[in-house]
């Protein structure tokens, strides 16, 4: 048998033999597959209630089919457009400001020459990630209260004449939300980039140093090109959240005063579903979010492949 015949020979039987030889390892992943099927795929059938006038007592099979009525109502509701606008603006700001921050922070940590100082910076930057957001929100609300530490310090230094109402001013919600997100997650998000930087061949840096390249040149010519594939994959995964917003920030940091900028579509869906018991309408909102997120991920994957050659699938 020549090489051509070997290449054309079907590999199905060979794959089955490999599977049988690894049956113990394959069984280890079986619980994860079952979990995914039970809690990720089977519940998708429940989206049918987005096209029904769902009643709990009637169930899915007994509820009246209303077609696209809920979607038509959704697109005619001004509150929905407010929520969508706030969601997209917040998500875009996160992508522009918060998303690249772990990469920049990882580069800065990597350039710290003292090993002990580097470990201290890494450890302290990870800690906020492990604090529940409810506690984080309470801490920042107290800190930025009119009688809180920030206002009192600025009054003492005569930087302001009157306390700033941070949590009642709609224009301040987005910057504060970005600030809190960066403080809480940048250190944790830098871990994956630090791991990728560690995997870069050190001989490349040594050769660059011999050629006279400084720190900035080594970062631009060696570190960043090696991190582009990872950055592209994370970007593809992150862009799917453009239509989801940040429910924690909206609930815990938002209020009736800053609703103009803090009210996101997930909060809107939550209120419609749990507070007003409009389950079909809330499902229609969530289904719209899911479809838009899927389209964004597909587009980002295609665009990344065209621009950088790096695709997730």
Protein backbone atom coordinates (compact mmCIF):
# COMPACT_ATOMS: atom_id res chain seq x y z
CA UNK A 1 0.00 0.00 0.00
CA UNK A 2 1.50 3.32 -1.04
CA UNK A 3 1.25 6.62 0.84
CA UNK A 4 -1.70 7.79 -1.26
CA UNK A 5 -3.75 4.74 -0.35
CA UNK A 6 -2.88 5.23 3.33
CA UNK A 7 -3.98 8.86 3.20
CA UNK A 8 -7.28 7.88 1.56
CA UNK A 9 -8.00 5.08 4.04
CA UNK A 10 -10.89 6.01 6.36
CA UNK A 11 -9.86 6.71 9.93
CA UNK A 12 -13.17 5.91 11.60
CA UNK A 13 -12.04 2.48 12.80
CA UNK A 14 -8.78 3.96 14.11
CA UNK A 15 -10.66 6.63 16.07
CA UNK A 16 -12.86 3.97 17.67
CA UNK A 17 -9.76 2.01 18.73
CA UNK A 18 -8.29 5.13 20.31
CA UNK A 19 -11.60 5.76 22.10
CA UNK A 20 -11.66 2.20 23.47
CA UNK A 21 -8.06 2.45 24.66
CA UNK A 22 -8.93 5.68 26.51
CA UNK A 23 -12.31 4.54 27.86
CA UNK A 24 -11.32 5.32 31.47
CA UNK A 25 -10.34 8.87 30.58
CA UNK A 26 -13.44 9.29 28.43
CA UNK A 27 -15.67 8.25 31.33
CA UNK A 28 -14.14 11.02 33.46
CA UNK A 29 -15.60 13.64 31.14
CA UNK A 30 -19.03 11.98 31.01
CA UNK A 31 -20.43 13.80 34.12
CA UNK A 32 -19.46 17.15 32.57
CA UNK A 33 -21.20 16.26 29.32
CA UNK A 34 -24.34 15.18 31.18
CA UNK A 35 -24.27 18.39 33.23
CA UNK A 36 -23.99 20.43 30.03
CA UNK A 37 -26.87 18.57 28.39
CA UNK A 38 -29.14 18.82 31.45
CA UNK A 39 -28.51 22.45 32.38
CA UNK A 40 -27.46 24.08 29.09
CA UNK A 41 -29.16 22.34 26.17
CA UNK A 42 -32.43 20.89 27.49
CA UNK A 43 -33.49 24.25 29.04
CA UNK A 44 -33.23 25.82 25.57
CA UNK A 45 -36.59 24.22 24.80
CA UNK A 46 -38.12 26.59 27.36
CA UNK A 47 -37.54 29.50 24.97
CA UNK A 48 -40.78 28.47 23.28
CA UNK A 49 -42.69 30.48 25.90
CA UNK A 50 -41.35 33.66 24.25
CA UNK A 51 -43.95 32.93 21.56
CA UNK A 52 -46.73 32.07 24.01
CA UNK A 53 -48.91 33.79 26.57
CA UNK A 54 -47.40 31.56 29.23
CA UNK A 55 -49.41 30.73 32.33
CA UNK A 56 -47.91 28.70 35.16
CA UNK A 57 -51.09 26.71 35.76
CA UNK A 58 -51.45 25.90 32.05
CA UNK A 59 -47.82 25.01 31.44
CA UNK A 60 -46.00 25.12 28.12
CA UNK A 61 -48.36 22.71 26.38
CA UNK A 62 -51.52 24.49 27.55
CA UNK A 63 -50.48 28.11 27.06
CA UNK A 64 -51.82 30.08 24.11
CA UNK A 65 -49.51 30.67 21.12
CA UNK A 66 -49.21 34.40 20.31
CA UNK A 67 -46.35 34.42 17.80
CA UNK A 68 -44.21 37.59 17.76
CA UNK A 69 -46.55 39.65 19.94
CA UNK A 70 -44.05 40.00 22.79
CA UNK A 71 -41.26 41.02 20.43
CA UNK A 72 -43.48 43.68 18.84
CA UNK A 73 -44.34 45.04 22.29
CA UNK A 74 -40.69 44.98 23.28
CA UNK A 75 -39.60 47.05 20.29
CA UNK A 76 -42.33 49.60 20.98
CA UNK A 77 -41.42 50.12 24.64
CA UNK A 78 -39.28 53.27 25.30
CA UNK A 79 -37.94 51.68 28.51
CA UNK A 80 -36.50 48.82 26.45
CA UNK A 81 -34.61 51.28 24.23
CA UNK A 82 -33.27 53.07 27.32
CA UNK A 83 -32.05 49.76 28.71
CA UNK A 84 -30.49 48.73 25.38
CA UNK A 85 -28.75 52.09 24.99
CA UNK A 86 -27.27 51.93 28.49
CA UNK A 87 -26.26 48.29 28.02
CA UNK A 88 -24.43 48.91 24.74
CA UNK A 89 -22.71 52.08 25.97
CA UNK A 90 -21.52 50.42 29.19
CA UNK A 91 -20.36 47.31 27.34
CA UNK A 92 -18.47 49.36 24.75
CA UNK A 93 -16.77 51.35 27.50
CA UNK A 94 -15.80 48.07 29.21
CA UNK A 95 -14.34 46.75 25.94
CA UNK A 96 -12.37 49.95 25.34
CA UNK A 97 -11.20 50.68 28.90
CA UNK A 98 -11.51 47.62 31.17
CA UNK A 99 -10.83 44.79 28.70
CA UNK A 100 -7.27 45.88 27.67
CA UNK A 101 -6.36 46.86 31.26
CA UNK A 102 -5.29 43.33 32.39
CA UNK A 103 -2.92 43.13 29.41
CA UNK A 104 -1.33 46.48 30.28
CA UNK A 105 -1.15 45.54 33.96
CA UNK A 106 0.48 42.20 33.11
CA UNK A 107 3.12 43.99 31.02
CA UNK A 108 3.86 46.35 33.91
CA UNK A 109 4.15 43.49 36.42
CA UNK A 110 6.41 41.55 34.07
CA UNK A 111 8.81 44.49 33.89
CA UNK A 112 9.22 44.78 37.68
CA UNK A 113 12.88 43.84 38.28
CA UNK A 114 12.50 42.78 41.92
CA UNK A 115 11.00 39.32 42.33
CA UNK A 116 9.65 39.88 45.87
CA UNK A 117 8.01 43.17 44.90
CA UNK A 118 6.48 41.47 41.85
CA UNK A 119 4.90 38.79 44.04
CA UNK A 120 3.53 41.37 46.46
CA UNK A 121 1.95 43.37 43.62
CA UNK A 122 0.48 40.24 42.06
CA UNK A 123 -1.00 38.96 45.33
CA UNK A 124 -2.54 42.28 46.38
CA UNK A 125 -4.04 42.83 42.93
CA UNK A 126 -5.76 39.41 43.02
CA UNK A 127 -7.48 39.93 46.38
CA UNK A 128 -10.42 42.16 45.25
CA UNK A 129 -11.58 39.42 42.89
CA UNK A 130 -12.44 37.16 45.83
CA UNK A 131 -14.64 39.76 47.54
CA UNK A 132 -18.35 39.45 46.72
CA UNK A 133 -19.65 42.32 44.63
CA UNK A 134 -22.34 43.07 47.23
CA UNK A 135 -19.58 43.86 49.72
CA UNK A 136 -17.59 45.78 47.11
CA UNK A 137 -20.63 47.90 46.21
CA UNK A 138 -21.36 48.64 49.87
CA UNK A 139 -17.76 49.66 50.44
CA UNK A 140 -17.67 52.04 47.47
CA UNK A 141 -21.07 53.52 48.30
CA UNK A 142 -19.85 54.35 51.81
CA UNK A 143 -16.50 55.59 50.51
CA UNK A 144 -18.12 57.96 48.01
CA UNK A 145 -20.96 59.06 50.27
CA UNK A 146 -21.35 62.87 50.76
CA UNK A 147 -19.99 62.29 54.28
CA UNK A 148 -17.57 59.59 53.17
CA UNK A 149 -13.79 59.56 53.13
CA UNK A 150 -13.40 60.89 49.58
CA UNK A 151 -15.66 63.93 50.04
CA UNK A 152 -14.29 64.71 53.50
CA UNK A 153 -10.71 64.53 52.20
CA UNK A 154 -11.43 66.83 49.27
CA UNK A 155 -13.24 69.29 51.52
CA UNK A 156 -10.32 69.25 53.93
CA UNK A 157 -7.90 69.94 51.09
CA UNK A 158 -10.26 72.65 49.78
CA UNK A 159 -10.52 70.93 46.40
CA UNK A 160 -14.31 71.28 46.50
CA UNK A 161 -16.68 73.62 48.32
CA UNK A 162 -19.63 71.22 48.58
CA UNK A 163 -19.79 67.40 48.78
CA UNK A 164 -20.23 65.62 45.46
CA UNK A 165 -23.30 63.40 45.13
CA UNK A 166 -21.51 60.57 43.33
CA UNK A 167 -24.43 58.11 43.38
CA UNK A 168 -27.23 60.50 42.44
CA UNK A 169 -25.52 62.08 39.43
CA UNK A 170 -26.33 60.07 36.26
CA UNK A 171 -23.22 61.27 34.44
CA UNK A 172 -20.93 59.77 37.09
CA UNK A 173 -22.35 56.25 37.07
CA UNK A 174 -20.44 54.97 34.02
CA UNK A 175 -16.99 56.26 35.09
CA UNK A 176 -17.54 54.88 38.59
CA UNK A 177 -18.70 51.54 37.21
CA UNK A 178 -15.56 51.31 35.08
CA UNK A 179 -13.35 52.29 38.02
CA UNK A 180 -14.86 49.65 40.30
CA UNK A 181 -14.62 46.96 37.60
CA UNK A 182 -10.94 47.72 37.04
CA UNK A 183 -10.17 47.76 40.76
CA UNK A 184 -11.89 44.40 41.27
CA UNK A 185 -10.92 42.39 38.20
CA UNK A 186 -7.78 43.76 36.53
CA UNK A 187 -5.37 41.86 38.78
CA UNK A 188 -7.23 38.60 38.30
CA UNK A 189 -7.56 39.11 34.56
CA UNK A 190 -3.81 39.68 34.27
CA UNK A 191 -3.07 36.09 35.35
CA UNK A 192 -3.70 34.59 31.92
CA UNK A 193 -1.50 37.20 30.23
CA UNK A 194 1.29 36.68 32.77
CA UNK A 195 1.14 32.95 32.07
CA UNK A 196 1.37 33.63 28.33
CA UNK A 197 4.31 36.00 28.84
CA UNK A 198 6.10 33.36 30.93
CA UNK A 199 5.74 30.94 28.01
CA UNK A 200 7.63 33.21 25.60
CA UNK A 201 11.09 31.89 24.75
CA UNK A 202 13.58 33.89 26.92
CA UNK A 203 16.19 33.55 24.19
CA UNK A 204 14.21 36.04 22.13
CA UNK A 205 14.65 38.66 24.86
CA UNK A 206 18.34 37.83 25.22
CA UNK A 207 18.90 38.21 21.48
CA UNK A 208 17.03 41.51 21.47
CA UNK A 209 19.13 42.81 24.38
CA UNK A 210 22.32 41.86 22.54
CA UNK A 211 21.04 43.85 19.56
CA UNK A 212 20.54 46.85 21.85
CA UNK A 213 16.74 46.75 22.19
CA UNK A 214 15.41 48.52 25.27
CA UNK A 215 12.41 47.55 27.40
CA UNK A 216 9.85 49.32 25.21
CA UNK A 217 11.27 47.84 22.03
CA UNK A 218 11.25 44.33 23.53
CA UNK A 219 7.62 44.74 24.56
CA UNK A 220 6.58 46.01 21.12
CA UNK A 221 8.63 43.55 19.05
CA UNK A 222 8.46 40.38 21.17
CA UNK A 223 5.88 40.41 23.96
CA UNK A 224 2.89 41.97 22.21
CA UNK A 225 3.12 39.90 18.97
CA UNK A 226 3.14 36.72 21.08
CA UNK A 227 0.07 37.88 23.02
CA UNK A 228 -2.03 38.87 20.01
CA UNK A 229 -3.57 35.37 19.45
CA UNK A 230 -4.62 35.15 23.12
CA UNK A 231 -5.95 38.70 23.09
CA UNK A 232 -7.97 37.98 19.93
CA UNK A 233 -9.58 34.87 21.43
CA UNK A 234 -10.50 36.69 24.65
CA UNK A 235 -11.92 39.55 22.60
CA UNK A 236 -14.14 37.18 20.61
CA UNK A 237 -15.46 35.67 23.84
CA UNK A 238 -15.96 39.06 25.48
CA UNK A 239 -17.78 40.77 22.64
CA UNK A 240 -20.69 38.39 23.14
CA UNK A 241 -21.50 40.29 26.33
CA UNK A 242 -22.18 43.53 24.44
CA UNK A 243 -25.94 43.04 24.83
CA UNK A 244 -25.88 41.69 28.37
CA UNK A 245 -24.54 44.64 30.37
CA UNK A 246 -23.65 44.28 34.04
CA UNK A 247 -26.57 43.33 36.25
CA UNK A 248 -24.62 43.53 39.52
CA UNK A 249 -23.65 47.16 38.91
CA UNK A 250 -27.16 48.09 37.79
CA UNK A 251 -28.86 46.59 40.86
CA UNK A 252 -26.35 47.42 43.59
CA UNK A 253 -24.99 50.75 42.37
CA UNK A 254 -27.99 52.01 40.42
CA UNK A 255 -30.96 53.88 41.90
CA UNK A 256 -33.87 56.03 40.83
CA UNK A 257 -31.60 59.08 40.52
CA UNK A 258 -29.07 57.57 38.11
CA UNK A 259 -31.49 55.21 36.31
CA UNK A 260 -30.96 57.24 33.16
CA UNK A 261 -27.50 55.67 32.78
CA UNK A 262 -27.55 52.62 35.12
CA UNK A 263 -30.65 50.77 33.89
CA UNK A 264 -29.54 47.83 31.70
CA UNK A 265 -31.49 45.29 29.68
CA UNK A 266 -30.86 42.41 32.12
CA UNK A 267 -32.42 44.46 34.92
CA UNK A 268 -35.34 45.22 32.62
CA UNK A 269 -35.80 41.50 31.92
CA UNK A 270 -35.53 40.67 35.62
CA UNK A 271 -38.21 43.20 36.55
CA UNK A 272 -40.57 41.99 33.84
CA UNK A 273 -40.11 38.34 34.75
CA UNK A 274 -39.91 38.26 38.54
CA UNK A 275 -41.60 41.47 39.66
CA UNK A 276 -44.40 41.64 37.09
CA UNK A 277 -44.54 37.84 36.46
CA UNK A 278 -44.52 38.42 32.69
CA UNK A 279 -42.50 35.30 32.00
CA UNK A 280 -43.12 35.16 28.27
CA UNK A 281 -42.13 38.80 27.80
CA UNK A 282 -38.97 38.37 29.89
CA UNK A 283 -38.07 35.26 27.87
CA UNK A 284 -38.50 37.22 24.64
CA UNK A 285 -36.05 39.84 25.93
CA UNK A 286 -33.53 37.18 26.92
CA UNK A 287 -33.93 35.41 23.58
CA UNK A 288 -33.26 38.67 21.76
CA UNK A 289 -30.09 39.14 23.84
CA UNK A 290 -28.92 35.60 23.11
CA UNK A 291 -29.44 35.90 19.35
CA UNK A 292 -27.64 39.25 19.18
CA UNK A 293 -24.76 37.92 21.30
CA UNK A 294 -24.41 34.88 19.02
CA UNK A 295 -24.32 37.09 15.93
CA UNK A 296 -21.69 39.33 17.52
CA UNK A 297 -19.49 36.36 18.42
CA UNK A 298 -19.76 34.95 14.89
CA UNK A 299 -18.91 38.35 13.39
CA UNK A 300 -16.00 38.90 15.79
CA UNK A 301 -14.64 35.44 14.99
CA UNK A 302 -14.85 36.11 11.23
CA UNK A 303 -13.38 39.61 11.56
CA UNK A 304 -10.50 38.40 13.75
CA UNK A 305 -9.70 35.70 11.22
CA UNK A 306 -9.64 38.24 8.39
CA UNK A 307 -7.52 40.82 10.23
CA UNK A 308 -5.11 38.78 12.36
CA UNK A 309 -5.60 35.21 11.19
CA UNK A 310 -6.63 34.14 14.68
CA UNK A 311 -10.03 32.49 15.04
CA UNK A 312 -11.75 30.75 17.91
CA UNK A 313 -13.53 28.30 15.56
